[in-house]
Amino acid sequence: MAKTQDPKKEYSKIFEKYTQTGFNIILTPEGKLIDSFEFAKLLNHSTVNFFIAGAYGFDEEFKKKGINISLSPLTMSHKIAKLVLFEQIYRGLSINNNHPYHK
């Protein structure tokens, strides 16, 4: 019988190659809660990589490869987390470009 793999390690292995260049933002429930203005500052890098894990999250070694933030203390589906992330990216870019959307 095949040995069952650790889901956290599997997520980390799949995404590892994408952490090599750019600024890494790892979305995890245990991450720091920040406001939209702090989030906007994170977007001031030439390349930003966002990582959303599956239901089991990332292993601790992977979390060391970037800044860990939380979108909310609520548990949400992957699709909802992506939607919230996209909205925050738009809001952050609006803040950085003095666009009134964020008010």
PDB file of N, CA and C in Angstrom:
ATOM      1  N   MET A   1       0.850  -1.180   0.000  1.00  0.00           N
ATOM      2  CA  MET A   1       0.000   0.000   0.000  1.00  0.00           C
ATOM      3  C   MET A   1       0.896   1.244   0.000  1.00  0.00           C
ATOM      4  N   ALA A   2       0.546   2.233  -0.797  1.00  0.00           N
ATOM      5  CA  ALA A   2       1.325   3.465  -0.901  1.00  0.00           C
ATOM      6  C   ALA A   2       1.180   4.301   0.365  1.00  0.00           C
ATOM      7  N   LYS A   3       2.278   4.934   0.723  1.00  0.00           N
ATOM      8  CA  LYS A   3       2.278   5.798   1.891  1.00  0.00           C
ATOM      9  C   LYS A   3       1.503   7.084   1.574  1.00  0.00           C
ATOM     10  N   THR A   4       0.632   7.504   2.482  1.00  0.00           N
ATOM     11  CA  THR A   4      -0.128   8.732   2.307  1.00  0.00           C
ATOM     12  C   THR A   4       0.791   9.927   2.510  1.00  0.00           C
ATOM     13  N   GLN A   5       0.741  10.880   1.584  1.00  0.00           N
ATOM     14  CA  GLN A   5       1.567  12.073   1.667  1.00  0.00           C
ATOM     15  C   GLN A   5       0.934  13.099   2.600  1.00  0.00           C
ATOM     16  N   ASP A   6       1.769  13.918   3.195  1.00  0.00           N
ATOM     17  CA  ASP A   6       1.310  15.014   4.037  1.00  0.00           C
ATOM     18  C   ASP A   6       0.811  16.134   3.130  1.00  0.00           C
ATOM     19  N   PRO A   7      -0.480  16.497   3.194  1.00  0.00           N
ATOM     20  CA  PRO A   7      -1.015  17.520   2.290  1.00  0.00           C
ATOM     21  C   PRO A   7      -0.272  18.853   2.382  1.00  0.00           C
ATOM     22  N   LYS A   8       0.136  19.273   3.578  1.00  0.00           N
ATOM     23  CA  LYS A   8       0.855  20.534   3.735  1.00  0.00           C
ATOM     24  C   LYS A   8       2.165  20.510   2.960  1.00  0.00           C
ATOM     25  N   LYS A   9       2.886  19.408   3.052  1.00  0.00           N
ATOM     26  CA  LYS A   9       4.157  19.290   2.330  1.00  0.00           C
ATOM     27  C   LYS A   9       3.930  19.230   0.821  1.00  0.00           C
ATOM     28  N   GLU A  10       2.844  18.608   0.410  1.00  0.00           N
ATOM     29  CA  GLU A  10       2.529  18.522  -1.017  1.00  0.00           C
ATOM     30  C   GLU A  10       2.222  19.901  -1.596  1.00  0.00           C
ATOM     31  N   TYR A  11       1.410  20.706  -0.895  1.00  0.00           N
ATOM     32  CA  TYR A  11       1.138  22.078  -1.349  1.00  0.00           C
ATOM     33  C   TYR A  11       2.446  22.844  -1.475  1.00  0.00           C
ATOM     34  N   SER A  12       3.272  22.722  -0.445  1.00  0.00           N
ATOM     35  CA  SER A  12       4.538  23.455  -0.419  1.00  0.00           C
ATOM     36  C   SER A  12       5.437  23.036  -1.573  1.00  0.00           C
ATOM     37  N   LYS A  13       5.491  21.747  -1.857  1.00  0.00           N
ATOM     38  CA  LYS A  13       6.324  21.254  -2.946  1.00  0.00           C
ATOM     39  C   LYS A  13       5.840  21.779  -4.304  1.00  0.00           C
ATOM     40  N   ILE A  14       4.544  21.808  -4.500  1.00  0.00           N
ATOM     41  CA  ILE A  14       3.966  22.282  -5.761  1.00  0.00           C
ATOM     42  C   ILE A  14       4.299  23.755  -5.994  1.00  0.00           C
ATOM     43  N   PHE A  15       4.199  24.574  -4.949  1.00  0.00           N
ATOM     44  CA  PHE A  15       4.402  26.017  -5.094  1.00  0.00           C
ATOM     45  C   PHE A  15       5.849  26.468  -4.945  1.00  0.00           C
ATOM     46  N   GLU A  16       6.724  25.600  -4.492  1.00  0.00           N
ATOM     47  CA  GLU A  16       8.127  25.956  -4.220  1.00  0.00           C
ATOM     48  C   GLU A  16       8.790  26.709  -5.365  1.00  0.00           C
ATOM     49  N   LYS A  17       8.631  26.242  -6.594  1.00  0.00           N
ATOM     50  CA  LYS A  17       9.316  26.859  -7.730  1.00  0.00           C
ATOM     51  C   LYS A  17       8.889  28.298  -7.974  1.00  0.00           C
ATOM     52  N   TYR A  18       7.719  28.680  -7.491  1.00  0.00           N
ATOM     53  CA  TYR A  18       7.221  30.042  -7.703  1.00  0.00           C
ATOM     54  C   TYR A  18       7.713  31.031  -6.653  1.00  0.00           C
ATOM     55  N   THR A  19       8.413  30.543  -5.639  1.00  0.00           N
ATOM     56  CA  THR A  19       8.893  31.421  -4.564  1.00  0.00           C
ATOM     57  C   THR A  19      10.279  31.979  -4.847  1.00  0.00           C
ATOM     58  N   GLN A  20      10.898  31.567  -5.941  1.00  0.00           N
ATOM     59  CA  GLN A  20      12.296  31.902  -6.200  1.00  0.00           C
ATOM     60  C   GLN A  20      12.514  33.363  -6.581  1.00  0.00           C
ATOM     61  N   THR A  21      11.548  34.000  -7.207  1.00  0.00           N
ATOM     62  CA  THR A  21      11.700  35.393  -7.604  1.00  0.00           C
ATOM     63  C   THR A  21      10.498  36.195  -7.123  1.00  0.00           C
ATOM     64  N   GLY A  22      10.735  37.423  -6.760  1.00  0.00           N
ATOM     65  CA  GLY A  22       9.652  38.298  -6.339  1.00  0.00           C
ATOM     66  C   GLY A  22       9.442  38.296  -4.840  1.00  0.00           C
ATOM     67  N   PHE A  23       8.468  39.081  -4.428  1.00  0.00           N
ATOM     68  CA  PHE A  23       8.073  39.236  -3.030  1.00  0.00           C
ATOM     69  C   PHE A  23       6.915  38.287  -2.775  1.00  0.00           C
ATOM     70  N   ASN A  24       7.065  37.406  -1.807  1.00  0.00           N
ATOM     71  CA  ASN A  24       6.072  36.363  -1.555  1.00  0.00           C
ATOM     72  C   ASN A  24       5.127  36.741  -0.423  1.00  0.00           C
ATOM     73  N   ILE A  25       3.831  36.682  -0.710  1.00  0.00           N
ATOM     74  CA  ILE A  25       2.796  36.905   0.291  1.00  0.00           C
ATOM     75  C   ILE A  25       2.030  35.602   0.434  1.00  0.00           C
ATOM     76  N   ILE A  26       2.105  35.033   1.623  1.00  0.00           N
ATOM     77  CA  ILE A  26       1.482  33.746   1.891  1.00  0.00           C
ATOM     78  C   ILE A  26       0.234  33.999   2.729  1.00  0.00           C
ATOM     79  N   LEU A  27      -0.906  33.627   2.182  1.00  0.00           N
ATOM     80  CA  LEU A  27      -2.180  33.846   2.867  1.00  0.00           C
ATOM     81  C   LEU A  27      -2.475  32.638   3.748  1.00  0.00           C
ATOM     82  N   THR A  28      -2.573  32.895   5.027  1.00  0.00           N
ATOM     83  CA  THR A  28      -2.783  31.831   5.993  1.00  0.00           C
ATOM     84  C   THR A  28      -3.614  32.370   7.155  1.00  0.00           C
ATOM     85  N   PRO A  29      -4.517  31.577   7.706  1.00  0.00           N
ATOM     86  CA  PRO A  29      -5.342  32.058   8.815  1.00  0.00           C
ATOM     87  C   PRO A  29      -4.520  32.539  10.011  1.00  0.00           C
ATOM     88  N   GLU A  30      -3.318  31.998  10.187  1.00  0.00           N
ATOM     89  CA  GLU A  30      -2.473  32.384  11.316  1.00  0.00           C
ATOM     90  C   GLU A  30      -1.671  33.654  11.038  1.00  0.00           C
ATOM     91  N   GLY A  31      -1.778  34.167   9.807  1.00  0.00           N
ATOM     92  CA  GLY A  31      -1.006  35.346   9.421  1.00  0.00           C
ATOM     93  C   GLY A  31      -1.483  36.612  10.108  1.00  0.00           C
ATOM     94  N   LYS A  32      -0.712  37.656   9.913  1.00  0.00           N
ATOM     95  CA  LYS A  32      -1.020  38.956  10.504  1.00  0.00           C
ATOM     96  C   LYS A  32      -2.219  39.584   9.799  1.00  0.00           C
ATOM     97  N   LEU A  33      -3.133  40.139  10.576  1.00  0.00           N
ATOM     98  CA  LEU A  33      -4.252  40.899  10.022  1.00  0.00           C
ATOM     99  C   LEU A  33      -3.761  42.321   9.760  1.00  0.00           C
ATOM    100  N   ILE A  34      -3.932  42.797   8.543  1.00  0.00           N
ATOM    101  CA  ILE A  34      -3.491  44.137   8.190  1.00  0.00           C
ATOM    102  C   ILE A  34      -4.653  44.889   7.537  1.00  0.00           C
ATOM    103  N   ASP A  35      -4.554  46.213   7.524  1.00  0.00           N
ATOM    104  CA  ASP A  35      -5.601  46.987   6.865  1.00  0.00           C
ATOM    105  C   ASP A  35      -5.232  47.212   5.398  1.00  0.00           C
ATOM    106  N   SER A  36      -6.133  47.842   4.673  1.00  0.00           N
ATOM    107  CA  SER A  36      -5.938  48.030   3.230  1.00  0.00           C
ATOM    108  C   SER A  36      -4.734  48.912   2.913  1.00  0.00           C
ATOM    109  N   PHE A  37      -4.419  49.861   3.785  1.00  0.00           N
ATOM    110  CA  PHE A  37      -3.267  50.734   3.543  1.00  0.00           C
ATOM    111  C   PHE A  37      -1.949  49.973   3.714  1.00  0.00           C
ATOM    112  N   GLU A  38      -1.887  49.092   4.714  1.00  0.00           N
ATOM    113  CA  GLU A  38      -0.698  48.246   4.869  1.00  0.00           C
ATOM    114  C   GLU A  38      -0.577  47.273   3.694  1.00  0.00           C
ATOM    115  N   PHE A  39      -1.717  46.731   3.269  1.00  0.00           N
ATOM    116  CA  PHE A  39      -1.724  45.822   2.128  1.00  0.00           C
ATOM    117  C   PHE A  39      -1.217  46.540   0.882  1.00  0.00           C
ATOM    118  N   ALA A  40      -1.647  47.782   0.674  1.00  0.00           N
ATOM    119  CA  ALA A  40      -1.216  48.561  -0.493  1.00  0.00           C
ATOM    120  C   ALA A  40       0.302  48.702  -0.529  1.00  0.00           C
ATOM    121  N   LYS A  41       0.923  48.872   0.633  1.00  0.00           N
ATOM    122  CA  LYS A  41       2.392  48.996   0.696  1.00  0.00           C
ATOM    123  C   LYS A  41       3.079  47.722   0.213  1.00  0.00           C
ATOM    124  N   LEU A  42       2.458  46.569   0.448  1.00  0.00           N
ATOM    125  CA  LEU A  42       3.041  45.294   0.013  1.00  0.00           C
ATOM    126  C   LEU A  42       3.094  45.188  -1.510  1.00  0.00           C
ATOM    127  N   LEU A  43       2.250  45.947  -2.180  1.00  0.00           N
ATOM    128  CA  LEU A  43       2.188  45.886  -3.640  1.00  0.00           C
ATOM    129  C   LEU A  43       3.258  46.743  -4.315  1.00  0.00           C
ATOM    130  N   ASN A  44       4.073  47.426  -3.528  1.00  0.00           N
ATOM    131  CA  ASN A  44       5.098  48.311  -4.076  1.00  0.00           C
ATOM    132  C   ASN A  44       6.393  47.581  -4.437  1.00  0.00           C
ATOM    133  N   HIS A  45       6.293  46.328  -4.786  1.00  0.00           N
ATOM    134  CA  HIS A  45       7.431  45.537  -5.254  1.00  0.00           C
ATOM    135  C   HIS A  45       7.233  45.283  -6.746  1.00  0.00           C
ATOM    136  N   SER A  46       8.311  45.086  -7.466  1.00  0.00           N
ATOM    137  CA  SER A  46       8.174  44.891  -8.920  1.00  0.00           C
ATOM    138  C   SER A  46       7.441  43.589  -9.256  1.00  0.00           C
ATOM    139  N   THR A  47       7.634  42.557  -8.451  1.00  0.00           N
ATOM    140  CA  THR A  47       6.934  41.286  -8.644  1.00  0.00           C
ATOM    141  C   THR A  47       6.411  40.818  -7.295  1.00  0.00           C
ATOM    142  N   VAL A  48       5.125  40.527  -7.247  1.00  0.00           N
ATOM    143  CA  VAL A  48       4.500  40.050  -6.016  1.00  0.00           C
ATOM    144  C   VAL A  48       3.842  38.717  -6.313  1.00  0.00           C
ATOM    145  N   ASN A  49       4.129  37.719  -5.490  1.00  0.00           N
ATOM    146  CA  ASN A  49       3.528  36.389  -5.619  1.00  0.00           C
ATOM    147  C   ASN A  49       2.588  36.162  -4.441  1.00  0.00           C
ATOM    148  N   PHE A  50       1.377  35.731  -4.723  1.00  0.00           N
ATOM    149  CA  PHE A  50       0.409  35.397  -3.677  1.00  0.00           C
ATOM    150  C   PHE A  50       0.224  33.887  -3.655  1.00  0.00           C
ATOM    151  N   PHE A  51       0.139  33.335  -2.454  1.00  0.00           N
ATOM    152  CA  PHE A  51      -0.048  31.896  -2.292  1.00  0.00           C
ATOM    153  C   PHE A  51      -1.232  31.640  -1.369  1.00  0.00           C
ATOM    154  N   ILE A  52      -2.193  30.883  -1.890  1.00  0.00           N
ATOM    155  CA  ILE A  52      -3.343  30.443  -1.099  1.00  0.00           C
ATOM    156  C   ILE A  52      -3.283  28.920  -1.078  1.00  0.00           C
ATOM    157  N   ALA A  53      -3.204  28.365   0.088  1.00  0.00           N
ATOM    158  CA  ALA A  53      -3.128  26.909   0.204  1.00  0.00           C
ATOM    159  C   ALA A  53      -4.514  26.285   0.157  1.00  0.00           C
ATOM    160  N   GLY A  54      -4.525  25.001   0.120  1.00  0.00           N
ATOM    161  CA  GLY A  54      -5.775  24.259   0.195  1.00  0.00           C
ATOM    162  C   GLY A  54      -6.234  24.152   1.636  1.00  0.00           C
ATOM    163  N   ALA A  55      -7.121  23.238   1.897  1.00  0.00           N
ATOM    164  CA  ALA A  55      -7.764  23.096   3.206  1.00  0.00           C
ATOM    165  C   ALA A  55      -6.787  22.824   4.353  1.00  0.00           C
ATOM    166  N   TYR A  56      -5.640  22.224   4.058  1.00  0.00           N
ATOM    167  CA  TYR A  56      -4.706  21.857   5.118  1.00  0.00           C
ATOM    168  C   TYR A  56      -3.626  22.907   5.352  1.00  0.00           C
ATOM    169  N   GLY A  57      -3.563  23.906   4.513  1.00  0.00           N
ATOM    170  CA  GLY A  57      -2.571  24.964   4.681  1.00  0.00           C
ATOM    171  C   GLY A  57      -1.192  24.572   4.172  1.00  0.00           C
ATOM    172  N   PHE A  58      -0.201  25.419   4.496  1.00  0.00           N
ATOM    173  CA  PHE A  58       1.194  25.185   4.116  1.00  0.00           C
ATOM    174  C   PHE A  58       1.983  24.700   5.319  1.00  0.00           C
ATOM    175  N   ASP A  59       3.086  24.008   5.064  1.00  0.00           N
ATOM    176  CA  ASP A  59       3.940  23.606   6.175  1.00  0.00           C
ATOM    177  C   ASP A  59       4.761  24.814   6.650  1.00  0.00           C
ATOM    178  N   GLU A  60       5.347  24.686   7.820  1.00  0.00           N
ATOM    179  CA  GLU A  60       6.060  25.802   8.452  1.00  0.00           C
ATOM    180  C   GLU A  60       7.258  26.269   7.629  1.00  0.00           C
ATOM    181  N   GLU A  61       7.951  25.381   6.957  1.00  0.00           N
ATOM    182  CA  GLU A  61       9.100  25.777   6.136  1.00  0.00           C
ATOM    183  C   GLU A  61       8.665  26.678   4.976  1.00  0.00           C
ATOM    184  N   PHE A  62       7.539  26.365   4.372  1.00  0.00           N
ATOM    185  CA  PHE A  62       7.049  27.181   3.270  1.00  0.00           C
ATOM    186  C   PHE A  62       6.670  28.575   3.764  1.00  0.00           C
ATOM    187  N   LYS A  63       6.060  28.645   4.930  1.00  0.00           N
ATOM    188  CA  LYS A  63       5.629  29.931   5.483  1.00  0.00           C
ATOM    189  C   LYS A  63       6.804  30.873   5.736  1.00  0.00           C
ATOM    190  N   LYS A  64       8.012  30.344   5.869  1.00  0.00           N
ATOM    191  CA  LYS A  64       9.202  31.163   6.093  1.00  0.00           C
ATOM    192  C   LYS A  64       9.689  31.831   4.812  1.00  0.00           C
ATOM    193  N   LYS A  65       9.109  31.488   3.676  1.00  0.00           N
ATOM    194  CA  LYS A  65       9.562  32.006   2.385  1.00  0.00           C
ATOM    195  C   LYS A  65       8.915  33.342   2.008  1.00  0.00           C
ATOM    196  N   GLY A  66       8.128  33.908   2.910  1.00  0.00           N
ATOM    197  CA  GLY A  66       7.490  35.185   2.620  1.00  0.00           C
ATOM    198  C   GLY A  66       6.794  35.746   3.835  1.00  0.00           C
ATOM    199  N   ILE A  67       6.108  36.845   3.624  1.00  0.00           N
ATOM    200  CA  ILE A  67       5.319  37.450   4.691  1.00  0.00           C
ATOM    201  C   ILE A  67       3.985  36.712   4.766  1.00  0.00           C
ATOM    202  N   ASN A  68       3.535  36.442   5.976  1.00  0.00           N
ATOM    203  CA  ASN A  68       2.287  35.716   6.192  1.00  0.00           C
ATOM    204  C   ASN A  68       1.209  36.689   6.636  1.00  0.00           C
ATOM    205  N   ILE A  69       0.136  36.774   5.858  1.00  0.00           N
ATOM    206  CA  ILE A  69      -0.985  37.625   6.240  1.00  0.00           C
ATOM    207  C   ILE A  69      -2.271  36.813   6.191  1.00  0.00           C
ATOM    208  N   SER A  70      -3.269  37.331   6.880  1.00  0.00           N
ATOM    209  CA  SER A  70      -4.590  36.714   6.882  1.00  0.00           C
ATOM    210  C   SER A  70      -5.575  37.688   6.261  1.00  0.00           C
ATOM    211  N   LEU A  71      -6.433  37.204   5.402  1.00  0.00           N
ATOM    212  CA  LEU A  71      -7.480  38.043   4.829  1.00  0.00           C
ATOM    213  C   LEU A  71      -8.607  38.267   5.825  1.00  0.00           C
ATOM    214  N   SER A  72      -8.775  37.327   6.739  1.00  0.00           N
ATOM    215  CA  SER A  72      -9.860  37.400   7.710  1.00  0.00           C
ATOM    216  C   SER A  72      -9.700  36.260   8.706  1.00  0.00           C
ATOM    217  N   PRO A  73     -10.190  36.437   9.927  1.00  0.00           N
ATOM    218  CA  PRO A  73     -10.187  35.299  10.857  1.00  0.00           C
ATOM    219  C   PRO A  73     -11.263  34.266  10.502  1.00  0.00           C
ATOM    220  N   LEU A  74     -12.141  34.619   9.564  1.00  0.00           N
ATOM    221  CA  LEU A  74     -13.178  33.689   9.127  1.00  0.00           C
ATOM    222  C   LEU A  74     -12.589  32.626   8.210  1.00  0.00           C
ATOM    223  N   THR A  75     -13.166  31.447   8.210  1.00  0.00           N
ATOM    224  CA  THR A  75     -12.801  30.414   7.254  1.00  0.00           C
ATOM    225  C   THR A  75     -13.641  30.637   6.010  1.00  0.00           C
ATOM    226  N   MET A  76     -12.980  30.633   4.842  1.00  0.00           N
ATOM    227  CA  MET A  76     -13.718  30.825   3.594  1.00  0.00           C
ATOM    228  C   MET A  76     -13.222  29.835   2.557  1.00  0.00           C
ATOM    229  N   SER A  77     -14.068  29.565   1.589  1.00  0.00           N
ATOM    230  CA  SER A  77     -13.674  28.653   0.522  1.00  0.00           C
ATOM    231  C   SER A  77     -12.559  29.292  -0.306  1.00  0.00           C
ATOM    232  N   HIS A  78     -11.859  28.459  -1.046  1.00  0.00           N
ATOM    233  CA  HIS A  78     -10.753  28.924  -1.899  1.00  0.00           C
ATOM    234  C   HIS A  78     -11.240  29.986  -2.883  1.00  0.00           C
ATOM    235  N   LYS A  79     -12.396  29.765  -3.486  1.00  0.00           N
ATOM    236  CA  LYS A  79     -12.933  30.717  -4.466  1.00  0.00           C
ATOM    237  C   LYS A  79     -13.258  32.066  -3.822  1.00  0.00           C
ATOM    238  N   ILE A  80     -13.803  32.046  -2.634  1.00  0.00           N
ATOM    239  CA  ILE A  80     -14.114  33.294  -1.936  1.00  0.00           C
ATOM    240  C   ILE A  80     -12.815  33.987  -1.525  1.00  0.00           C
ATOM    241  N   ALA A  81     -11.839  33.227  -1.059  1.00  0.00           N
ATOM    242  CA  ALA A  81     -10.547  33.826  -0.685  1.00  0.00           C
ATOM    243  C   ALA A  81      -9.910  34.521  -1.887  1.00  0.00           C
ATOM    244  N   LYS A  82      -9.985  33.905  -3.062  1.00  0.00           N
ATOM    245  CA  LYS A  82      -9.438  34.542  -4.272  1.00  0.00           C
ATOM    246  C   LYS A  82     -10.196  35.822  -4.597  1.00  0.00           C
ATOM    247  N   LEU A  83     -11.501  35.800  -4.460  1.00  0.00           N
ATOM    248  CA  LEU A  83     -12.308  36.984  -4.736  1.00  0.00           C
ATOM    249  C   LEU A  83     -11.938  38.124  -3.783  1.00  0.00           C
ATOM    250  N   VAL A  84     -11.803  37.822  -2.495  1.00  0.00           N
ATOM    251  CA  VAL A  84     -11.411  38.834  -1.508  1.00  0.00           C
ATOM    252  C   VAL A  84     -10.007  39.344  -1.834  1.00  0.00           C
ATOM    253  N   LEU A  85      -9.102  38.449  -2.195  1.00  0.00           N
ATOM    254  CA  LEU A  85      -7.743  38.863  -2.561  1.00  0.00           C
ATOM    255  C   LEU A  85      -7.758  39.786  -3.770  1.00  0.00           C
ATOM    256  N   PHE A  86      -8.500  39.439  -4.814  1.00  0.00           N
ATOM    257  CA  PHE A  86      -8.571  40.283  -6.011  1.00  0.00           C
ATOM    258  C   PHE A  86      -9.099  41.674  -5.678  1.00  0.00           C
ATOM    259  N   GLU A  87     -10.118  41.727  -4.818  1.00  0.00           N
ATOM    260  CA  GLU A  87     -10.675  43.019  -4.445  1.00  0.00           C
ATOM    261  C   GLU A  87      -9.643  43.836  -3.676  1.00  0.00           C
ATOM    262  N   GLN A  88      -8.901  43.198  -2.795  1.00  0.00           N
ATOM    263  CA  GLN A  88      -7.887  43.917  -2.016  1.00  0.00           C
ATOM    264  C   GLN A  88      -6.720  44.377  -2.895  1.00  0.00           C
ATOM    265  N   ILE A  89      -6.381  43.597  -3.901  1.00  0.00           N
ATOM    266  CA  ILE A  89      -5.343  44.036  -4.843  1.00  0.00           C
ATOM    267  C   ILE A  89      -5.836  45.287  -5.578  1.00  0.00           C
ATOM    268  N   TYR A  90      -7.073  45.259  -6.061  1.00  0.00           N
ATOM    269  CA  TYR A  90      -7.629  46.422  -6.746  1.00  0.00           C
ATOM    270  C   TYR A  90      -7.669  47.634  -5.808  1.00  0.00           C
ATOM    271  N   ARG A  91      -8.113  47.408  -4.581  1.00  0.00           N
ATOM    272  CA  ARG A  91      -8.182  48.485  -3.592  1.00  0.00           C
ATOM    273  C   ARG A  91      -6.775  49.016  -3.297  1.00  0.00           C
ATOM    274  N   GLY A  92      -5.811  48.115  -3.128  1.00  0.00           N
ATOM    275  CA  GLY A  92      -4.438  48.528  -2.850  1.00  0.00           C
ATOM    276  C   GLY A  92      -3.837  49.332  -3.984  1.00  0.00           C
ATOM    277  N   LEU A  93      -4.069  48.902  -5.219  1.00  0.00           N
ATOM    278  CA  LEU A  93      -3.570  49.658  -6.368  1.00  0.00           C
ATOM    279  C   LEU A  93      -4.254  51.016  -6.463  1.00  0.00           C
ATOM    280  N   SER A  94      -5.542  51.076  -6.095  1.00  0.00           N
ATOM    281  CA  SER A  94      -6.256  52.351  -6.072  1.00  0.00           C
ATOM    282  C   SER A  94      -5.643  53.290  -5.034  1.00  0.00           C
ATOM    283  N   ILE A  95      -5.342  52.761  -3.868  1.00  0.00           N
ATOM    284  CA  ILE A  95      -4.700  53.566  -2.821  1.00  0.00           C
ATOM    285  C   ILE A  95      -3.357  54.085  -3.314  1.00  0.00           C
ATOM    286  N   ASN A  96      -2.557  53.205  -3.900  1.00  0.00           N
ATOM    287  CA  ASN A  96      -1.215  53.582  -4.352  1.00  0.00           C
ATOM    288  C   ASN A  96      -1.246  54.620  -5.482  1.00  0.00           C
ATOM    289  N   ASN A  97      -2.357  54.684  -6.205  1.00  0.00           N
ATOM    290  CA  ASN A  97      -2.479  55.622  -7.319  1.00  0.00           C
ATOM    291  C   ASN A  97      -3.437  56.774  -7.019  1.00  0.00           C
ATOM    292  N   ASN A  98      -3.744  56.975  -5.736  1.00  0.00           N
ATOM    293  CA  ASN A  98      -4.614  58.071  -5.284  1.00  0.00           C
ATOM    294  C   ASN A  98      -5.965  58.090  -5.988  1.00  0.00           C
ATOM    295  N   HIS A  99      -6.485  56.916  -6.265  1.00  0.00           N
ATOM    296  CA  HIS A  99      -7.808  56.786  -6.872  1.00  0.00           C
ATOM    297  C   HIS A  99      -8.838  56.718  -5.741  1.00  0.00           C
ATOM    298  N   PRO A 100     -10.012  57.333  -5.875  1.00  0.00           N
ATOM    299  CA  PRO A 100     -10.983  57.389  -4.776  1.00  0.00           C
ATOM    300  C   PRO A 100     -11.739  56.089  -4.482  1.00  0.00           C
ATOM    301  N   TYR A 101     -11.485  55.000  -5.210  1.00  0.00           N
ATOM    302  CA  TYR A 101     -12.244  53.760  -5.006  1.00  0.00           C
ATOM    303  C   TYR A 101     -12.231  53.305  -3.542  1.00  0.00           C
ATOM    304  N   HIS A 102     -11.091  53.412  -2.881  1.00  0.00           N
ATOM    305  CA  HIS A 102     -10.933  52.838  -1.548  1.00  0.00           C
ATOM    306  C   HIS A 102     -11.707  53.569  -0.445  1.00  0.00           C
ATOM    307  N   LYS A 103     -12.304  54.712  -0.759  1.00  0.00           N
ATOM    308  CA  LYS A 103     -13.003  55.479   0.300  1.00  0.00           C
ATOM    309  C   LYS A 103     -14.453  55.104   0.388  1.00  0.00           C
TER     310      LYS A 103
END
